[in-house]
Protein backbone atom coordinates (compact mmCIF):
# COMPACT_ATOMS: atom_id res chain seq x y z
CA MET A 1 -15.07 -16.44 13.33
CA SER A 2 -16.37 -13.10 12.29
CA GLU A 3 -15.81 -12.65 8.59
CA THR A 4 -15.38 -9.63 6.40
CA SER A 5 -15.04 -9.96 2.68
CA GLY A 6 -13.66 -7.60 0.12
CA GLN A 7 -12.56 -7.24 -3.46
CA LEU A 8 -9.70 -5.09 -4.58
CA SER A 9 -10.85 -2.95 -7.49
CA PHE A 10 -9.21 -3.14 -10.91
CA ASP A 11 -9.00 0.64 -10.71
CA THR A 12 -9.22 3.19 -7.92
CA ASP A 13 -13.01 3.50 -7.77
CA THR A 14 -13.78 2.23 -4.26
CA ASP A 15 -17.54 2.66 -4.62
CA ALA A 16 -18.01 0.52 -7.71
CA ASP A 17 -18.22 -2.91 -6.04
CA THR A 18 -21.42 -2.86 -4.03
CA ASP A 19 -21.13 -6.56 -3.09
CA ALA A 20 -17.93 -6.07 -1.09
CA GLN A 21 -17.81 -4.88 2.50
CA GLN A 22 -15.39 -1.97 2.81
CA PRO A 23 -13.18 -3.02 -0.12
CA PRO A 24 -9.63 -1.65 -0.28
CA SER A 25 -9.11 1.03 -2.88
CA ALA A 26 -6.36 -0.57 -4.98
CA PRO A 27 -4.43 -3.84 -5.36
CA SER A 28 -1.54 -2.46 -3.29
CA ALA A 29 -3.90 -2.40 -0.29
CA ALA A 30 -3.53 -6.18 -0.20
CA SER A 31 -0.14 -5.68 1.43
CA ALA A 32 -1.91 -4.34 4.50
CA ALA A 33 -4.95 -6.62 4.33
CA VAL A 34 -2.94 -9.85 4.00
CA PRO A 35 0.23 -9.80 6.14
CA GLY A 36 3.26 -10.74 4.09
CA LEU A 37 1.58 -10.18 0.71
CA ARG A 38 3.10 -7.70 -1.72
CA TYR A 39 1.60 -6.72 -5.06
CA ILE A 40 3.74 -4.86 -7.62
CA ALA A 41 1.92 -3.59 -10.70
CA ASP A 42 3.80 -3.37 -14.01
CA TRP A 43 6.78 -5.33 -12.66
CA LEU A 44 7.20 -6.33 -16.29
CA ALA A 45 6.62 -3.75 -19.02
CA PRO A 46 4.02 -4.76 -21.64
CA ASP A 47 6.63 -5.52 -24.31
CA ALA A 48 8.69 -7.57 -21.84
CA GLY A 49 5.60 -9.52 -20.84
CA THR A 50 4.75 -10.22 -24.48
CA ALA A 51 8.29 -11.40 -25.19
CA LEU A 52 8.32 -13.61 -22.10
CA LEU A 53 5.01 -15.21 -23.06
CA ALA A 54 6.31 -15.88 -26.57
CA GLY A 55 9.40 -17.55 -25.13
CA ILE A 56 7.28 -19.70 -22.84
CA ASP A 57 5.04 -20.78 -25.70
CA ALA A 58 8.08 -21.80 -27.74
CA ALA A 59 8.72 -24.57 -25.19
CA SER A 60 6.67 -27.72 -24.75
CA TRP A 61 3.74 -27.94 -22.37
CA SER A 62 2.70 -30.84 -20.14
CA ALA A 63 -0.94 -31.92 -20.09
CA GLN A 64 -0.54 -33.74 -16.78
CA LEU A 65 -3.26 -31.61 -15.22
CA LYS A 66 -6.53 -30.22 -16.54
CA ARG A 67 -4.52 -27.06 -17.23
CA ARG A 68 -1.22 -27.05 -19.12
CA VAL A 69 2.00 -26.63 -17.14
CA GLN A 70 5.75 -26.35 -17.56
CA HIS A 71 8.21 -27.40 -14.81
CA TYR A 72 11.79 -26.12 -14.60
CA GLY A 73 14.58 -26.98 -12.18
CA HIS A 74 12.55 -29.57 -10.23
CA ARG A 75 9.30 -31.30 -11.00
CA TYR A 76 6.52 -31.03 -8.43
CA ASP A 77 4.62 -34.29 -7.86
CA TYR A 78 1.01 -33.23 -7.27
CA GLY A 79 -0.06 -36.69 -6.08
CA ARG A 80 2.62 -37.03 -3.42
CA ARG A 81 2.88 -33.29 -2.74
CA ALA A 82 6.62 -33.51 -3.04
CA VAL A 83 9.46 -32.24 -5.23
CA ALA A 84 11.00 -35.15 -7.08
CA THR A 85 14.58 -35.34 -8.32
CA VAL A 86 13.88 -38.48 -10.34
CA ALA A 87 10.82 -39.11 -12.48
CA ALA A 88 8.29 -41.51 -11.00
CA ASP A 89 7.89 -43.19 -14.39
CA ALA A 90 9.01 -42.80 -17.98
CA SER A 91 5.93 -40.75 -18.86
CA GLN A 92 6.97 -38.03 -16.40
CA PRO A 93 10.53 -37.00 -17.31
CA THR A 94 12.64 -34.94 -14.96
CA ALA A 95 12.30 -31.19 -15.26
CA PRO A 96 14.72 -29.34 -17.53
CA PRO A 97 17.00 -26.70 -16.00
CA LEU A 98 15.80 -23.14 -15.66
CA PRO A 99 15.90 -21.41 -19.06
CA VAL A 100 17.80 -18.17 -19.51
CA TRP A 101 14.72 -16.00 -19.01
CA ALA A 102 13.92 -17.72 -15.70
CA ARG A 103 17.47 -17.38 -14.40
CA GLU A 104 17.52 -13.68 -15.29
CA LEU A 105 14.23 -13.05 -13.49
CA ALA A 106 15.37 -15.10 -10.49
CA VAL A 107 18.44 -12.85 -10.20
CA ARG A 108 16.27 -9.75 -10.47
CA LEU A 109 13.99 -10.95 -7.67
CA VAL A 110 16.99 -11.27 -5.36
CA ASP A 111 18.57 -8.00 -6.49
CA GLU A 112 15.34 -6.16 -5.67
CA GLY A 113 15.12 -7.81 -2.23
CA LEU A 114 11.95 -9.71 -3.12
CA MET A 115 13.38 -13.20 -2.55
CA ASP A 116 16.05 -14.30 -0.09
CA ARG A 117 17.89 -16.42 -2.64
CA GLU A 118 17.62 -17.27 -6.31
CA ALA A 119 14.74 -19.54 -7.20
CA ASP A 120 15.72 -23.00 -8.35
CA GLN A 121 12.21 -24.20 -9.21
CA VAL A 122 9.85 -22.48 -11.64
CA ILE A 123 6.41 -23.63 -12.64
CA VAL A 124 4.41 -22.10 -15.47
CA ASN A 125 0.62 -22.56 -15.37
CA GLU A 126 -1.79 -21.80 -18.18
CA TYR A 127 -5.38 -20.87 -17.31
CA GLN A 128 -7.98 -20.75 -20.06
CA PRO A 129 -11.30 -18.98 -19.31
CA GLY A 130 -13.26 -21.20 -16.94
CA GLN A 131 -10.18 -22.83 -15.42
CA GLY A 132 -8.98 -22.21 -11.88
CA ILE A 133 -7.12 -23.74 -8.95
CA SER A 134 -8.48 -24.81 -5.57
CA ALA A 135 -7.56 -23.06 -2.34
CA HIS A 136 -4.15 -24.13 -1.08
CA VAL A 137 -0.89 -23.21 0.59
CA ASP A 138 2.23 -24.04 -1.43
CA CYS A 139 3.87 -27.17 -0.01
CA VAL A 140 5.50 -26.05 3.26
CA PRO A 141 8.18 -28.77 3.62
CA CYS A 142 9.03 -28.52 -0.11
CA PHE A 143 9.57 -24.80 -0.67
CA GLY A 144 11.22 -21.83 1.01
CA PRO A 145 9.75 -18.81 2.80
CA VAL A 146 9.01 -16.68 -0.27
CA VAL A 147 6.92 -17.47 -3.35
CA ALA A 148 6.76 -14.98 -6.22
CA ALA A 149 4.44 -15.15 -9.22
CA ILE A 150 4.22 -13.11 -12.43
CA SER A 151 0.92 -12.79 -14.31
CA LEU A 152 0.89 -12.73 -18.11
CA GLY A 153 -1.88 -12.44 -20.68
CA SER A 154 -5.28 -11.91 -19.10
CA SER A 155 -6.13 -10.42 -15.72
CA CYS A 156 -7.99 -12.43 -13.09
CA LEU A 157 -8.98 -12.38 -9.43
CA MET A 158 -7.05 -14.46 -6.92
CA ASP A 159 -8.95 -15.21 -3.73
CA PHE A 160 -7.13 -15.15 -0.38
CA THR A 161 -8.76 -16.61 2.72
CA ASN A 162 -7.68 -16.71 6.35
CA PRO A 163 -8.53 -20.23 7.57
CA ASP A 164 -7.96 -19.52 11.28
CA PRO A 165 -11.34 -20.22 12.98
CA ASP A 166 -10.20 -18.41 16.12
CA SER A 167 -9.36 -15.18 14.36
CA ASP A 168 -11.52 -12.19 15.20
CA ASP A 169 -10.74 -10.51 11.92
CA GLY A 170 -10.80 -13.46 9.56
CA THR A 171 -11.06 -12.20 6.02
CA LYS A 172 -11.77 -13.27 2.50
CA LEU A 173 -10.17 -11.03 -0.07
CA ALA A 174 -10.17 -11.06 -3.89
CA VAL A 175 -6.96 -9.61 -5.32
CA PRO A 176 -6.93 -8.56 -9.01
CA LEU A 177 -3.82 -9.70 -10.82
CA ALA A 178 -3.07 -7.55 -13.85
CA PRO A 179 -0.80 -8.57 -16.75
CA GLY A 180 2.83 -7.84 -15.94
CA SER A 181 2.17 -7.72 -12.19
CA LEU A 182 4.17 -9.55 -9.54
CA LEU A 183 2.67 -11.11 -6.42
CA VAL A 184 5.05 -11.97 -3.58
CA MET A 185 3.92 -14.16 -0.68
CA ALA A 186 5.91 -14.33 2.56
CA GLY A 187 5.10 -14.77 6.24
CA PRO A 188 1.38 -15.36 6.91
CA ALA A 189 0.54 -14.88 3.21
CA ARG A 190 2.88 -17.76 2.43
CA TYR A 191 2.17 -20.11 5.34
CA ALA A 192 -1.33 -19.39 6.68
CA TRP A 193 -3.54 -17.74 4.08
CA ARG A 194 -4.88 -19.95 1.31
CA HIS A 195 -4.97 -18.67 -2.25
CA ALA A 196 -7.20 -19.83 -5.10
CA ILE A 197 -8.57 -18.90 -8.50
CA ALA A 198 -12.26 -19.60 -9.02
CA ALA A 199 -13.10 -21.63 -12.11
CA ARG A 200 -15.18 -19.10 -14.02
CA LYS A 201 -15.06 -17.14 -17.28
CA SER A 202 -15.34 -13.62 -15.89
CA ASP A 203 -14.70 -11.65 -12.71
CA THR A 204 -16.42 -8.77 -10.97
CA GLY A 205 -14.80 -5.44 -11.81
CA ALA A 206 -15.41 -1.79 -11.08
CA ALA A 207 -17.57 -1.35 -14.18
CA GLY A 208 -19.21 -4.78 -14.24
CA ARG A 209 -18.11 -8.24 -15.30
CA VAL A 210 -14.56 -8.52 -16.69
CA PRO A 211 -14.20 -11.41 -19.18
CA ARG A 212 -11.14 -13.57 -18.70
CA GLY A 213 -8.82 -14.44 -21.52
CA ARG A 214 -5.88 -16.82 -21.52
CA ARG A 215 -3.70 -16.20 -18.47
CA VAL A 216 -0.24 -17.63 -17.79
CA SER A 217 1.39 -17.47 -14.37
CA VAL A 218 5.12 -17.94 -13.73
CA THR A 219 5.87 -18.95 -10.13
CA PHE A 220 9.36 -18.82 -8.61
CA ARG A 221 10.19 -20.96 -5.56
CA THR A 222 13.25 -22.24 -3.69
CA VAL A 223 13.41 -25.96 -2.96
CA LEU A 224 13.99 -27.12 0.62
CA HIS A 225 13.48 -30.86 0.33
CA THR A 226 13.32 -33.35 -2.53
CA THR A 227 12.41 -37.03 -2.80
CA GLN A 228 13.76 -39.71 -5.08
């Protein structure tokens, strides 16, 4: 597989990242570089993002993983890679229903044509500097054709890779996720491309290294199949 790699700049300076090969000029270019991927900057206004983060922090967090998480609607079982309707044991209670803020955002995603139906599963992930997530595709038999994620707090780079060894234009692409932005994955971006966040404390930016702060992601998904 021939491989090109690129990084989408945090601003519109396409010459700033000398390590990338022909990098796109802005995050919106990811829509063309990764089929089915859509990036919407400022989907949430700064004050709305701050209010949402405060509401999230008012709820309890689970320390099931190395990073803190919140599950709503359905709990995802990381070990079995399945959505469970009943807790596997008493230490893992069933997920609470979607809170008001999640239901309102789920409606907005449908109203704007970004999801085909209202999400019934929401997971909130907290990433402290140095934390990341390995390359993966969201569980195919568990969730529907569209996955949407809001970024809150700090910016970071999300790495997308095309795993097809027979592809002539296989790519690796780093997409900057700014606070308040929305990332929508459908088609190949949802089912073929893997996405990951490297476990590091800073990212490459147009003007040098960009330190990471605390980042919280809010991911909306529709459940296809559950297990007891």
